[in-house]
PDB file of N, CA and C in Angstrom:
ATOM      1  N   MET A   1     -48.083 -57.379  52.805  1.00  0.00           N
ATOM      2  CA  MET A   1     -46.774 -57.212  53.415  1.00  0.00           C
ATOM      3  C   MET A   1     -46.918 -57.204  54.913  1.00  0.00           C
ATOM      4  N   LYS A   2     -46.138 -58.030  55.557  1.00  0.00           N
ATOM      5  CA  LYS A   2     -46.167 -58.117  57.009  1.00  0.00           C
ATOM      6  C   LYS A   2     -45.447 -56.901  57.656  1.00  0.00           C
ATOM      7  N   LEU A   3     -46.143 -56.279  58.625  1.00  0.00           N
ATOM      8  CA  LEU A   3     -45.624 -55.111  59.270  1.00  0.00           C
ATOM      9  C   LEU A   3     -45.371 -55.369  60.760  1.00  0.00           C
ATOM     10  N   ASN A   4     -44.434 -54.616  61.326  1.00  0.00           N
ATOM     11  CA  ASN A   4     -44.207 -54.746  62.764  1.00  0.00           C
ATOM     12  C   ASN A   4     -45.141 -53.823  63.511  1.00  0.00           C
ATOM     13  N   ASP A   5     -45.005 -53.745  64.831  1.00  0.00           N
ATOM     14  CA  ASP A   5     -45.919 -52.920  65.628  1.00  0.00           C
ATOM     15  C   ASP A   5     -45.750 -51.406  65.407  1.00  0.00           C
ATOM     16  N   LYS A   6     -44.659 -51.001  64.715  1.00  0.00           N
ATOM     17  CA  LYS A   6     -44.481 -49.580  64.407  1.00  0.00           C
ATOM     18  C   LYS A   6     -44.926 -49.235  62.987  1.00  0.00           C
ATOM     19  N   GLY A   7     -45.531 -50.233  62.303  1.00  0.00           N
ATOM     20  CA  GLY A   7     -46.010 -50.007  60.957  1.00  0.00           C
ATOM     21  C   GLY A   7     -44.907 -50.073  59.911  1.00  0.00           C
ATOM     22  N   LEU A   8     -43.725 -50.581  60.301  1.00  0.00           N
ATOM     23  CA  LEU A   8     -42.627 -50.750  59.363  1.00  0.00           C
ATOM     24  C   LEU A   8     -42.577 -52.206  58.876  1.00  0.00           C
ATOM     25  N   ILE A   9     -42.016 -52.427  57.724  1.00  0.00           N
ATOM     26  CA  ILE A   9     -41.943 -53.758  57.166  1.00  0.00           C
ATOM     27  C   ILE A   9     -41.161 -54.685  58.057  1.00  0.00           C
ATOM     28  N   TYR A  10     -41.727 -55.838  58.322  1.00  0.00           N
ATOM     29  CA  TYR A  10     -41.055 -56.850  59.151  1.00  0.00           C
ATOM     30  C   TYR A  10     -39.855 -57.367  58.412  1.00  0.00           C
ATOM     31  N   LEU A  11     -38.711 -57.363  59.080  1.00  0.00           N
ATOM     32  CA  LEU A  11     -37.448 -57.758  58.444  1.00  0.00           C
ATOM     33  C   LEU A  11     -37.141 -59.205  58.753  1.00  0.00           C
ATOM     34  N   ASP A  12     -37.133 -60.025  57.688  1.00  0.00           N
ATOM     35  CA  ASP A  12     -36.733 -61.426  57.800  1.00  0.00           C
ATOM     36  C   ASP A  12     -35.641 -61.660  56.790  1.00  0.00           C
ATOM     37  N   SER A  13     -35.192 -62.894  56.612  1.00  0.00           N
ATOM     38  CA  SER A  13     -34.054 -63.132  55.706  1.00  0.00           C
ATOM     39  C   SER A  13     -34.351 -62.761  54.258  1.00  0.00           C
ATOM     40  N   ASP A  14     -35.581 -63.019  53.791  1.00  0.00           N
ATOM     41  CA  ASP A  14     -35.916 -62.686  52.413  1.00  0.00           C
ATOM     42  C   ASP A  14     -35.842 -61.177  52.185  1.00  0.00           C
ATOM     43  N   ARG A  15     -36.403 -60.420  53.111  1.00  0.00           N
ATOM     44  CA  ARG A  15     -36.408 -58.972  52.975  1.00  0.00           C
ATOM     45  C   ARG A  15     -35.033 -58.356  53.182  1.00  0.00           C
ATOM     46  N   MET A  16     -34.307 -58.882  54.143  1.00  0.00           N
ATOM     47  CA  MET A  16     -32.918 -58.379  54.347  1.00  0.00           C
ATOM     48  C   MET A  16     -32.036 -58.648  53.135  1.00  0.00           C
ATOM     49  N   ASN A  17     -32.178 -59.821  52.538  1.00  0.00           N
ATOM     50  CA  ASN A  17     -31.415 -60.118  51.342  1.00  0.00           C
ATOM     51  C   ASN A  17     -31.811 -59.213  50.178  1.00  0.00           C
ATOM     52  N   ALA A  18     -33.133 -58.963  50.045  1.00  0.00           N
ATOM     53  CA  ALA A  18     -33.588 -58.073  48.980  1.00  0.00           C
ATOM     54  C   ALA A  18     -33.087 -56.658  49.202  1.00  0.00           C
ATOM     55  N   ILE A  19     -33.097 -56.191  50.427  1.00  0.00           N
ATOM     56  CA  ILE A  19     -32.593 -54.861  50.741  1.00  0.00           C
ATOM     57  C   ILE A  19     -31.138 -54.719  50.349  1.00  0.00           C
ATOM     58  N   PHE A  20     -30.349 -55.700  50.754  1.00  0.00           N
ATOM     59  CA  PHE A  20     -28.916 -55.603  50.430  1.00  0.00           C
ATOM     60  C   PHE A  20     -28.612 -56.022  49.008  1.00  0.00           C
ATOM     61  N   ASP A  21     -29.552 -56.654  48.340  1.00  0.00           N
ATOM     62  CA  ASP A  21     -29.373 -56.868  46.898  1.00  0.00           C
ATOM     63  C   ASP A  21     -29.475 -55.512  46.185  1.00  0.00           C
ATOM     64  N   CYS A  22     -30.115 -54.550  46.796  1.00  0.00           N
ATOM     65  CA  CYS A  22     -30.283 -53.194  46.257  1.00  0.00           C
ATOM     66  C   CYS A  22     -29.286 -52.226  46.903  1.00  0.00           C
ATOM     67  N   VAL A  23     -28.253 -52.709  47.502  1.00  0.00           N
ATOM     68  CA  VAL A  23     -27.286 -51.823  48.178  1.00  0.00           C
ATOM     69  C   VAL A  23     -26.642 -50.819  47.269  1.00  0.00           C
ATOM     70  N   TYR A  24     -26.530 -51.154  45.982  1.00  0.00           N
ATOM     71  CA  TYR A  24     -25.950 -50.213  45.005  1.00  0.00           C
ATOM     72  C   TYR A  24     -27.028 -49.593  44.124  1.00  0.00           C
ATOM     73  N   GLY A  25     -28.263 -49.654  44.568  1.00  0.00           N
ATOM     74  CA  GLY A  25     -29.374 -49.051  43.828  1.00  0.00           C
ATOM     75  C   GLY A  25     -30.445 -50.064  43.540  1.00  0.00           C
ATOM     76  N   ILE A  26     -31.656 -49.575  43.443  1.00  0.00           N
ATOM     77  CA  ILE A  26     -32.836 -50.428  43.299  1.00  0.00           C
ATOM     78  C   ILE A  26     -32.848 -51.150  41.956  1.00  0.00           C
ATOM     79  N   ASN A  27     -32.173 -50.586  40.964  1.00  0.00           N
ATOM     80  CA  ASN A  27     -32.175 -51.205  39.637  1.00  0.00           C
ATOM     81  C   ASN A  27     -30.943 -52.034  39.370  1.00  0.00           C
ATOM     82  N   GLY A  28     -30.083 -52.213  40.338  1.00  0.00           N
ATOM     83  CA  GLY A  28     -28.819 -52.915  40.125  1.00  0.00           C
ATOM     84  C   GLY A  28     -28.891 -54.398  40.389  1.00  0.00           C
ATOM     85  N   GLY A  29     -28.884 -55.195  39.379  1.00  0.00           N
ATOM     86  CA  GLY A  29     -28.699 -56.626  39.437  1.00  0.00           C
ATOM     87  C   GLY A  29     -29.449 -57.432  40.475  1.00  0.00           C
ATOM     88  N   GLN A  30     -30.717 -57.244  40.600  1.00  0.00           N
ATOM     89  CA  GLN A  30     -31.473 -58.010  41.603  1.00  0.00           C
ATOM     90  C   GLN A  30     -31.710 -59.438  41.167  1.00  0.00           C
ATOM     91  N   ASN A  31     -31.694 -60.317  42.163  1.00  0.00           N
ATOM     92  CA  ASN A  31     -32.059 -61.711  41.859  1.00  0.00           C
ATOM     93  C   ASN A  31     -33.569 -61.828  41.744  1.00  0.00           C
ATOM     94  N   SER A  32     -34.043 -62.993  41.390  1.00  0.00           N
ATOM     95  CA  SER A  32     -35.483 -63.172  41.101  1.00  0.00           C
ATOM     96  C   SER A  32     -36.350 -62.942  42.309  1.00  0.00           C
ATOM     97  N   SER A  33     -35.895 -63.342  43.523  1.00  0.00           N
ATOM     98  CA  SER A  33     -36.728 -63.127  44.697  1.00  0.00           C
ATOM     99  C   SER A  33     -36.793 -61.625  45.046  1.00  0.00           C
ATOM    100  N   THR A  34     -35.726 -60.871  44.800  1.00  0.00           N
ATOM    101  CA  THR A  34     -35.753 -59.458  45.029  1.00  0.00           C
ATOM    102  C   THR A  34     -36.759 -58.804  44.054  1.00  0.00           C
ATOM    103  N   LYS A  35     -36.688 -59.174  42.789  1.00  0.00           N
ATOM    104  CA  LYS A  35     -37.600 -58.604  41.807  1.00  0.00           C
ATOM    105  C   LYS A  35     -39.035 -58.869  42.177  1.00  0.00           C
ATOM    106  N   LYS A  36     -39.303 -60.064  42.712  1.00  0.00           N
ATOM    107  CA  LYS A  36     -40.666 -60.410  43.084  1.00  0.00           C
ATOM    108  C   LYS A  36     -41.118 -59.523  44.266  1.00  0.00           C
ATOM    109  N   LEU A  37     -40.253 -59.315  45.262  1.00  0.00           N
ATOM    110  CA  LEU A  37     -40.597 -58.446  46.397  1.00  0.00           C
ATOM    111  C   LEU A  37     -40.790 -57.014  45.955  1.00  0.00           C
ATOM    112  N   LEU A  38     -39.968 -56.556  45.033  1.00  0.00           N
ATOM    113  CA  LEU A  38     -40.050 -55.186  44.556  1.00  0.00           C
ATOM    114  C   LEU A  38     -41.301 -54.865  43.776  1.00  0.00           C
ATOM    115  N   LYS A  39     -42.047 -55.904  43.335  1.00  0.00           N
ATOM    116  CA  LYS A  39     -43.292 -55.688  42.644  1.00  0.00           C
ATOM    117  C   LYS A  39     -44.371 -55.162  43.629  1.00  0.00           C
ATOM    118  N   ASP A  40     -44.179 -55.458  44.915  1.00  0.00           N
ATOM    119  CA  ASP A  40     -45.072 -54.897  45.932  1.00  0.00           C
ATOM    120  C   ASP A  40     -44.730 -53.429  46.124  1.00  0.00           C
ATOM    121  N   ARG A  41     -45.678 -52.541  45.871  1.00  0.00           N
ATOM    122  CA  ARG A  41     -45.411 -51.099  45.918  1.00  0.00           C
ATOM    123  C   ARG A  41     -44.867 -50.648  47.249  1.00  0.00           C
ATOM    124  N   GLN A  42     -45.412 -51.156  48.339  1.00  0.00           N
ATOM    125  CA  GLN A  42     -44.945 -50.726  49.655  1.00  0.00           C
ATOM    126  C   GLN A  42     -43.473 -51.106  49.863  1.00  0.00           C
ATOM    127  N   PHE A  43     -43.116 -52.326  49.523  1.00  0.00           N
ATOM    128  CA  PHE A  43     -41.724 -52.757  49.666  1.00  0.00           C
ATOM    129  C   PHE A  43     -40.807 -51.958  48.755  1.00  0.00           C
ATOM    130  N   ASN A  44     -41.242 -51.702  47.535  1.00  0.00           N
ATOM    131  CA  ASN A  44     -40.471 -50.926  46.569  1.00  0.00           C
ATOM    132  C   ASN A  44     -40.209 -49.525  47.152  1.00  0.00           C
ATOM    133  N   ASP A  45     -41.252 -48.876  47.659  1.00  0.00           N
ATOM    134  CA  ASP A  45     -41.099 -47.546  48.247  1.00  0.00           C
ATOM    135  C   ASP A  45     -40.199 -47.589  49.472  1.00  0.00           C
ATOM    136  N   PHE A  46     -40.298 -48.659  50.229  1.00  0.00           N
ATOM    137  CA  PHE A  46     -39.480 -48.853  51.445  1.00  0.00           C
ATOM    138  C   PHE A  46     -37.977 -48.921  51.065  1.00  0.00           C
ATOM    139  N   VAL A  47     -37.686 -49.687  50.038  1.00  0.00           N
ATOM    140  CA  VAL A  47     -36.266 -49.819  49.599  1.00  0.00           C
ATOM    141  C   VAL A  47     -35.788 -48.483  49.069  1.00  0.00           C
ATOM    142  N   LYS A  48     -36.624 -47.754  48.356  1.00  0.00           N
ATOM    143  CA  LYS A  48     -36.255 -46.408  47.881  1.00  0.00           C
ATOM    144  C   LYS A  48     -35.948 -45.493  49.059  1.00  0.00           C
ATOM    145  N   LEU A  49     -36.791 -45.564  50.092  1.00  0.00           N
ATOM    146  CA  LEU A  49     -36.550 -44.770  51.297  1.00  0.00           C
ATOM    147  C   LEU A  49     -35.209 -45.100  51.928  1.00  0.00           C
ATOM    148  N   LEU A  50     -34.960 -46.434  52.095  1.00  0.00           N
ATOM    149  CA  LEU A  50     -33.660 -46.841  52.653  1.00  0.00           C
ATOM    150  C   LEU A  50     -32.496 -46.378  51.794  1.00  0.00           C
ATOM    151  N   ASN A  51     -32.631 -46.458  50.476  1.00  0.00           N
ATOM    152  CA  ASN A  51     -31.551 -46.017  49.589  1.00  0.00           C
ATOM    153  C   ASN A  51     -31.309 -44.508  49.725  1.00  0.00           C
ATOM    154  N   ASN A  52     -32.379 -43.740  49.929  1.00  0.00           N
ATOM    155  CA  ASN A  52     -32.225 -42.304  50.140  1.00  0.00           C
ATOM    156  C   ASN A  52     -31.490 -42.009  51.466  1.00  0.00           C
ATOM    157  N   LEU A  53     -31.889 -42.711  52.533  1.00  0.00           N
ATOM    158  CA  LEU A  53     -31.212 -42.571  53.806  1.00  0.00           C
ATOM    159  C   LEU A  53     -29.758 -43.015  53.704  1.00  0.00           C
ATOM    160  N   GLN A  54     -29.535 -44.099  52.959  1.00  0.00           N
ATOM    161  CA  GLN A  54     -28.182 -44.628  52.750  1.00  0.00           C
ATOM    162  C   GLN A  54     -27.315 -43.559  52.077  1.00  0.00           C
ATOM    163  N   GLU A  55     -27.852 -42.939  51.019  1.00  0.00           N
ATOM    164  CA  GLU A  55     -27.118 -41.932  50.270  1.00  0.00           C
ATOM    165  C   GLU A  55     -26.766 -40.745  51.185  1.00  0.00           C
ATOM    166  N   TYR A  56     -27.716 -40.339  52.019  1.00  0.00           N
ATOM    167  CA  TYR A  56     -27.465 -39.236  52.952  1.00  0.00           C
ATOM    168  C   TYR A  56     -26.357 -39.652  53.941  1.00  0.00           C
ATOM    169  N   ASN A  57     -26.454 -40.862  54.486  1.00  0.00           N
ATOM    170  CA  ASN A  57     -25.432 -41.341  55.395  1.00  0.00           C
ATOM    171  C   ASN A  57     -24.084 -41.390  54.723  1.00  0.00           C
ATOM    172  N   TYR A  58     -24.044 -41.881  53.508  1.00  0.00           N
ATOM    173  CA  TYR A  58     -22.778 -41.976  52.743  1.00  0.00           C
ATOM    174  C   TYR A  58     -22.170 -40.605  52.519  1.00  0.00           C
ATOM    175  N   GLN A  59     -22.973 -39.664  52.158  1.00  0.00           N
ATOM    176  CA  GLN A  59     -22.479 -38.305  51.849  1.00  0.00           C
ATOM    177  C   GLN A  59     -22.103 -37.491  53.090  1.00  0.00           C
ATOM    178  N   TYR A  60     -22.891 -37.611  54.139  1.00  0.00           N
ATOM    179  CA  TYR A  60     -22.754 -36.695  55.275  1.00  0.00           C
ATOM    180  C   TYR A  60     -22.473 -37.337  56.618  1.00  0.00           C
ATOM    181  N   ARG A  61     -22.615 -38.655  56.675  1.00  0.00           N
ATOM    182  CA  ARG A  61     -22.464 -39.306  58.015  1.00  0.00           C
ATOM    183  C   ARG A  61     -21.526 -40.538  57.922  1.00  0.00           C
ATOM    184  N   SER A  62     -20.534 -40.447  57.095  1.00  0.00           N
ATOM    185  CA  SER A  62     -19.663 -41.596  56.884  1.00  0.00           C
ATOM    186  C   SER A  62     -18.960 -42.050  58.155  1.00  0.00           C
ATOM    187  N   LEU A  63     -18.625 -41.131  59.040  1.00  0.00           N
ATOM    188  CA  LEU A  63     -17.975 -41.529  60.292  1.00  0.00           C
ATOM    189  C   LEU A  63     -18.921 -42.370  61.177  1.00  0.00           C
ATOM    190  N   GLN A  64     -20.196 -41.961  61.208  1.00  0.00           N
ATOM    191  CA  GLN A  64     -21.173 -42.747  61.987  1.00  0.00           C
ATOM    192  C   GLN A  64     -21.425 -44.108  61.336  1.00  0.00           C
ATOM    193  N   ALA A  65     -21.467 -44.108  60.027  1.00  0.00           N
ATOM    194  CA  ALA A  65     -21.702 -45.359  59.295  1.00  0.00           C
ATOM    195  C   ALA A  65     -20.555 -46.342  59.491  1.00  0.00           C
ATOM    196  N   ILE A  66     -19.348 -45.860  59.348  1.00  0.00           N
ATOM    197  CA  ILE A  66     -18.178 -46.767  59.440  1.00  0.00           C
ATOM    198  C   ILE A  66     -18.018 -47.350  60.850  1.00  0.00           C
ATOM    199  N   GLU A  67     -18.645 -46.713  61.829  1.00  0.00           N
ATOM    200  CA  GLU A  67     -18.625 -47.289  63.188  1.00  0.00           C
ATOM    201  C   GLU A  67     -19.319 -48.644  63.245  1.00  0.00           C
ATOM    202  N   LEU A  68     -20.095 -48.968  62.216  1.00  0.00           N
ATOM    203  CA  LEU A  68     -20.775 -50.249  62.160  1.00  0.00           C
ATOM    204  C   LEU A  68     -19.960 -51.297  61.455  1.00  0.00           C
ATOM    205  N   SER A  69     -18.778 -50.984  61.000  1.00  0.00           N
ATOM    206  CA  SER A  69     -17.962 -51.950  60.213  1.00  0.00           C
ATOM    207  C   SER A  69     -17.637 -53.219  60.992  1.00  0.00           C
ATOM    208  N   ASP A  70     -17.461 -53.086  62.302  1.00  0.00           N
ATOM    209  CA  ASP A  70     -17.178 -54.326  63.092  1.00  0.00           C
ATOM    210  C   ASP A  70     -18.370 -55.267  63.098  1.00  0.00           C
ATOM    211  N   ILE A  71     -19.583 -54.710  63.133  1.00  0.00           N
ATOM    212  CA  ILE A  71     -20.790 -55.522  63.078  1.00  0.00           C
ATOM    213  C   ILE A  71     -20.915 -56.205  61.718  1.00  0.00           C
ATOM    214  N   PHE A  72     -20.605 -55.504  60.655  1.00  0.00           N
ATOM    215  CA  PHE A  72     -20.658 -56.102  59.309  1.00  0.00           C
ATOM    216  C   PHE A  72     -19.597 -57.191  59.164  1.00  0.00           C
ATOM    217  N   GLU A  73     -18.414 -56.925  59.662  1.00  0.00           N
ATOM    218  CA  GLU A  73     -17.333 -57.930  59.563  1.00  0.00           C
ATOM    219  C   GLU A  73     -17.705 -59.206  60.315  1.00  0.00           C
ATOM    220  N   ALA A  74     -18.348 -59.059  61.476  1.00  0.00           N
ATOM    221  CA  ALA A  74     -18.732 -60.190  62.305  1.00  0.00           C
ATOM    222  C   ALA A  74     -19.931 -60.952  61.790  1.00  0.00           C
ATOM    223  N   SER A  75     -20.788 -60.303  61.020  1.00  0.00           N
ATOM    224  CA  SER A  75     -22.016 -60.978  60.594  1.00  0.00           C
ATOM    225  C   SER A  75     -22.016 -61.287  59.107  1.00  0.00           C
ATOM    226  N   VAL A  76     -21.728 -60.314  58.265  1.00  0.00           N
ATOM    227  CA  VAL A  76     -21.767 -60.474  56.832  1.00  0.00           C
ATOM    228  C   VAL A  76     -20.476 -61.114  56.327  1.00  0.00           C
ATOM    229  N   GLY A  77     -19.368 -60.786  56.967  1.00  0.00           N
ATOM    230  CA  GLY A  77     -18.089 -61.342  56.590  1.00  0.00           C
ATOM    231  C   GLY A  77     -17.103 -60.255  56.230  1.00  0.00           C
ATOM    232  N   PRO A  78     -15.879 -60.657  55.841  1.00  0.00           N
ATOM    233  CA  PRO A  78     -14.839 -59.681  55.518  1.00  0.00           C
ATOM    234  C   PRO A  78     -15.236 -58.781  54.352  1.00  0.00           C
ATOM    235  N   MET A  79     -14.844 -57.559  54.453  1.00  0.00           N
ATOM    236  CA  MET A  79     -15.140 -56.583  53.402  1.00  0.00           C
ATOM    237  C   MET A  79     -13.829 -56.029  52.881  1.00  0.00           C
ATOM    238  N   GLN A  80     -13.839 -55.643  51.595  1.00  0.00           N
ATOM    239  CA  GLN A  80     -12.641 -55.055  50.981  1.00  0.00           C
ATOM    240  C   GLN A  80     -12.372 -53.694  51.568  1.00  0.00           C
ATOM    241  N   ASN A  81     -11.134 -53.457  51.929  1.00  0.00           N
ATOM    242  CA  ASN A  81     -10.778 -52.173  52.513  1.00  0.00           C
ATOM    243  C   ASN A  81     -10.367 -51.136  51.477  1.00  0.00           C
ATOM    244  N   ASN A  82     -10.167 -51.555  50.236  1.00  0.00           N
ATOM    245  CA  ASN A  82      -9.658 -50.665  49.215  1.00  0.00           C
ATOM    246  C   ASN A  82     -10.760 -50.171  48.262  1.00  0.00           C
ATOM    247  N   SER A  83     -11.965 -50.074  48.745  1.00  0.00           N
ATOM    248  CA  SER A  83     -13.076 -49.618  47.909  1.00  0.00           C
ATOM    249  C   SER A  83     -14.102 -48.872  48.735  1.00  0.00           C
ATOM    250  N   ASP A  84     -15.087 -48.306  48.088  1.00  0.00           N
ATOM    251  CA  ASP A  84     -16.169 -47.630  48.812  1.00  0.00           C
ATOM    252  C   ASP A  84     -17.260 -48.597  49.285  1.00  0.00           C
ATOM    253  N   GLY A  85     -17.135 -49.877  48.881  1.00  0.00           N
ATOM    254  CA  GLY A  85     -18.124 -50.880  49.241  1.00  0.00           C
ATOM    255  C   GLY A  85     -18.502 -50.901  50.713  1.00  0.00           C
ATOM    256  N   PRO A  86     -17.504 -51.032  51.618  1.00  0.00           N
ATOM    257  CA  PRO A  86     -17.833 -51.128  53.037  1.00  0.00           C
ATOM    258  C   PRO A  86     -18.659 -49.919  53.550  1.00  0.00           C
ATOM    259  N   ILE A  87     -18.284 -48.699  53.140  1.00  0.00           N
ATOM    260  CA  ILE A  87     -18.988 -47.541  53.611  1.00  0.00           C
ATOM    261  C   ILE A  87     -20.411 -47.503  53.047  1.00  0.00           C
ATOM    262  N   ILE A  88     -20.571 -47.977  51.820  1.00  0.00           N
ATOM    263  CA  ILE A  88     -21.918 -48.024  51.210  1.00  0.00           C
ATOM    264  C   ILE A  88     -22.772 -49.041  51.947  1.00  0.00           C
ATOM    265  N   TRP A  89     -22.238 -50.204  52.287  1.00  0.00           N
ATOM    266  CA  TRP A  89     -22.959 -51.211  53.036  1.00  0.00           C
ATOM    267  C   TRP A  89     -23.284 -50.668  54.459  1.00  0.00           C
ATOM    268  N   CYS A  90     -22.300 -50.092  55.094  1.00  0.00           N
ATOM    269  CA  CYS A  90     -22.519 -49.595  56.451  1.00  0.00           C
ATOM    270  C   CYS A  90     -23.520 -48.458  56.472  1.00  0.00           C
ATOM    271  N   SER A  91     -23.529 -47.637  55.390  1.00  0.00           N
ATOM    272  CA  SER A  91     -24.494 -46.544  55.310  1.00  0.00           C
ATOM    273  C   SER A  91     -25.920 -47.077  55.222  1.00  0.00           C
ATOM    274  N   LEU A  92     -26.109 -48.201  54.519  1.00  0.00           N
ATOM    275  CA  LEU A  92     -27.405 -48.823  54.463  1.00  0.00           C
ATOM    276  C   LEU A  92     -27.765 -49.446  55.816  1.00  0.00           C
ATOM    277  N   GLY A  93     -26.794 -50.077  56.445  1.00  0.00           N
ATOM    278  CA  GLY A  93     -27.033 -50.630  57.798  1.00  0.00           C
ATOM    279  C   GLY A  93     -27.415 -49.557  58.790  1.00  0.00           C
ATOM    280  N   LEU A  94     -26.778 -48.400  58.713  1.00  0.00           N
ATOM    281  CA  LEU A  94     -27.114 -47.304  59.618  1.00  0.00           C
ATOM    282  C   LEU A  94     -28.530 -46.823  59.363  1.00  0.00           C
ATOM    283  N   ALA A  95     -28.905 -46.759  58.076  1.00  0.00           N
ATOM    284  CA  ALA A  95     -30.290 -46.362  57.745  1.00  0.00           C
ATOM    285  C   ALA A  95     -31.305 -47.291  58.382  1.00  0.00           C
ATOM    286  N   ILE A  96     -31.080 -48.587  58.272  1.00  0.00           N
ATOM    287  CA  ILE A  96     -32.002 -49.577  58.865  1.00  0.00           C
ATOM    288  C   ILE A  96     -32.001 -49.435  60.381  1.00  0.00           C
ATOM    289  N   LYS A  97     -30.840 -49.372  60.959  1.00  0.00           N
ATOM    290  CA  LYS A  97     -30.691 -49.291  62.410  1.00  0.00           C
ATOM    291  C   LYS A  97     -31.482 -48.106  62.980  1.00  0.00           C
ATOM    292  N   GLU A  98     -31.285 -46.952  62.369  1.00  0.00           N
ATOM    293  CA  GLU A  98     -31.910 -45.736  62.891  1.00  0.00           C
ATOM    294  C   GLU A  98     -33.410 -45.669  62.583  1.00  0.00           C
ATOM    295  N   LEU A  99     -33.822 -46.120  61.408  1.00  0.00           N
ATOM    296  CA  LEU A  99     -35.248 -46.118  61.078  1.00  0.00           C
ATOM    297  C   LEU A  99     -36.036 -46.984  62.037  1.00  0.00           C
ATOM    298  N   TYR A 100     -35.447 -48.117  62.384  1.00  0.00           N
ATOM    299  CA  TYR A 100     -36.137 -49.058  63.274  1.00  0.00           C
ATOM    300  C   TYR A 100     -35.837 -48.816  64.763  1.00  0.00           C
ATOM    301  N   GLY A 101     -34.893 -47.939  65.053  1.00  0.00           N
ATOM    302  CA  GLY A 101     -34.516 -47.690  66.433  1.00  0.00           C
ATOM    303  C   GLY A 101     -33.851 -48.880  67.079  1.00  0.00           C
ATOM    304  N   MET A 102     -32.979 -49.564  66.340  1.00  0.00           N
ATOM    305  CA  MET A 102     -32.348 -50.801  66.828  1.00  0.00           C
ATOM    306  C   MET A 102     -31.111 -50.535  67.626  1.00  0.00           C
ATOM    307  N   ARG A 103     -30.821 -51.483  68.500  1.00  0.00           N
ATOM    308  CA  ARG A 103     -29.520 -51.531  69.157  1.00  0.00           C
ATOM    309  C   ARG A 103     -28.527 -52.168  68.194  1.00  0.00           C
ATOM    310  N   ARG A 104     -27.276 -52.031  68.474  1.00  0.00           N
ATOM    311  CA  ARG A 104     -26.231 -52.618  67.616  1.00  0.00           C
ATOM    312  C   ARG A 104     -26.367 -54.159  67.547  1.00  0.00           C
ATOM    313  N   GLU A 105     -26.684 -54.764  68.635  1.00  0.00           N
ATOM    314  CA  GLU A 105     -26.810 -56.229  68.652  1.00  0.00           C
ATOM    315  C   GLU A 105     -28.004 -56.729  67.834  1.00  0.00           C
ATOM    316  N   THR A 106     -29.079 -55.962  67.819  1.00  0.00           N
ATOM    317  CA  THR A 106     -30.237 -56.329  67.023  1.00  0.00           C
ATOM    318  C   THR A 106     -29.867 -56.248  65.545  1.00  0.00           C
ATOM    319  N   LEU A 107     -29.160 -55.175  65.161  1.00  0.00           N
ATOM    320  CA  LEU A 107     -28.764 -55.043  63.768  1.00  0.00           C
ATOM    321  C   LEU A 107     -27.806 -56.213  63.420  1.00  0.00           C
ATOM    322  N   LYS A 108     -26.903 -56.551  64.297  1.00  0.00           N
ATOM    323  CA  LYS A 108     -25.963 -57.634  64.049  1.00  0.00           C
ATOM    324  C   LYS A 108     -26.699 -58.930  63.793  1.00  0.00           C
ATOM    325  N   SER A 109     -27.703 -59.239  64.589  1.00  0.00           N
ATOM    326  CA  SER A 109     -28.445 -60.479  64.389  1.00  0.00           C
ATOM    327  C   SER A 109     -29.192 -60.473  63.075  1.00  0.00           C
ATOM    328  N   LEU A 110     -29.725 -59.312  62.675  1.00  0.00           N
ATOM    329  CA  LEU A 110     -30.390 -59.228  61.374  1.00  0.00           C
ATOM    330  C   LEU A 110     -29.433 -59.356  60.213  1.00  0.00           C
ATOM    331  N   LEU A 111     -28.233 -58.809  60.364  1.00  0.00           N
ATOM    332  CA  LEU A 111     -27.224 -58.896  59.296  1.00  0.00           C
ATOM    333  C   LEU A 111     -26.769 -60.327  59.082  1.00  0.00           C
ATOM    334  N   LYS A 112     -26.870 -61.144  60.124  1.00  0.00           N
ATOM    335  CA  LYS A 112     -26.477 -62.553  59.986  1.00  0.00           C
ATOM    336  C   LYS A 112     -27.423 -63.283  59.025  1.00  0.00           C
ATOM    337  N   LEU A 113     -28.597 -62.705  58.763  1.00  0.00           N
ATOM    338  CA  LEU A 113     -29.553 -63.296  57.830  1.00  0.00           C
ATOM    339  C   LEU A 113     -29.174 -63.026  56.377  1.00  0.00           C
ATOM    340  N   VAL A 114     -28.307 -62.047  56.166  1.00  0.00           N
ATOM    341  CA  VAL A 114     -27.954 -61.641  54.812  1.00  0.00           C
ATOM    342  C   VAL A 114     -26.936 -62.619  54.217  1.00  0.00           C
ATOM    343  N   THR A 115     -27.332 -63.242  53.118  1.00  0.00           N
ATOM    344  CA  THR A 115     -26.448 -64.187  52.446  1.00  0.00           C
ATOM    345  C   THR A 115     -25.963 -63.650  51.107  1.00  0.00           C
ATOM    346  N   ILE A 116     -26.557 -62.552  50.648  1.00  0.00           N
ATOM    347  CA  ILE A 116     -26.192 -61.951  49.374  1.00  0.00           C
ATOM    348  C   ILE A 116     -24.808 -61.301  49.516  1.00  0.00           C
ATOM    349  N   ARG A 117     -24.001 -61.429  48.486  1.00  0.00           N
ATOM    350  CA  ARG A 117     -22.676 -60.795  48.476  1.00  0.00           C
ATOM    351  C   ARG A 117     -22.522 -60.091  47.160  1.00  0.00           C
ATOM    352  N   LYS A 118     -21.947 -58.902  47.203  1.00  0.00           N
ATOM    353  CA  LYS A 118     -21.730 -58.090  45.995  1.00  0.00           C
ATOM    354  C   LYS A 118     -20.355 -57.523  46.030  1.00  0.00           C
TER     355      LYS A 118
END
């Protein structure tokens, strides 16, 4: 697994898509490339970590997470306003942003790599 200079998994389009393929949980409907990546223990543990941070953000930091909705709208595309989906996606985005210490623009450019839709 390729790591960045902080020892965190390098985020590219394959990994970003796999992460967001697991936006509703690590066992929820992954495509074949996600399943392949999840066979790597480090990546599997990493996604579990992100899902735990996501859950915390969803439960306790929804205001901070929803502040990222404009970034998601601009990069991932329109989101339904009548469901919990946007806050769940934004909670995962906030987890990534904070774990990696990213600026909003860096997160936005990474989100443009996400082609998976749920």
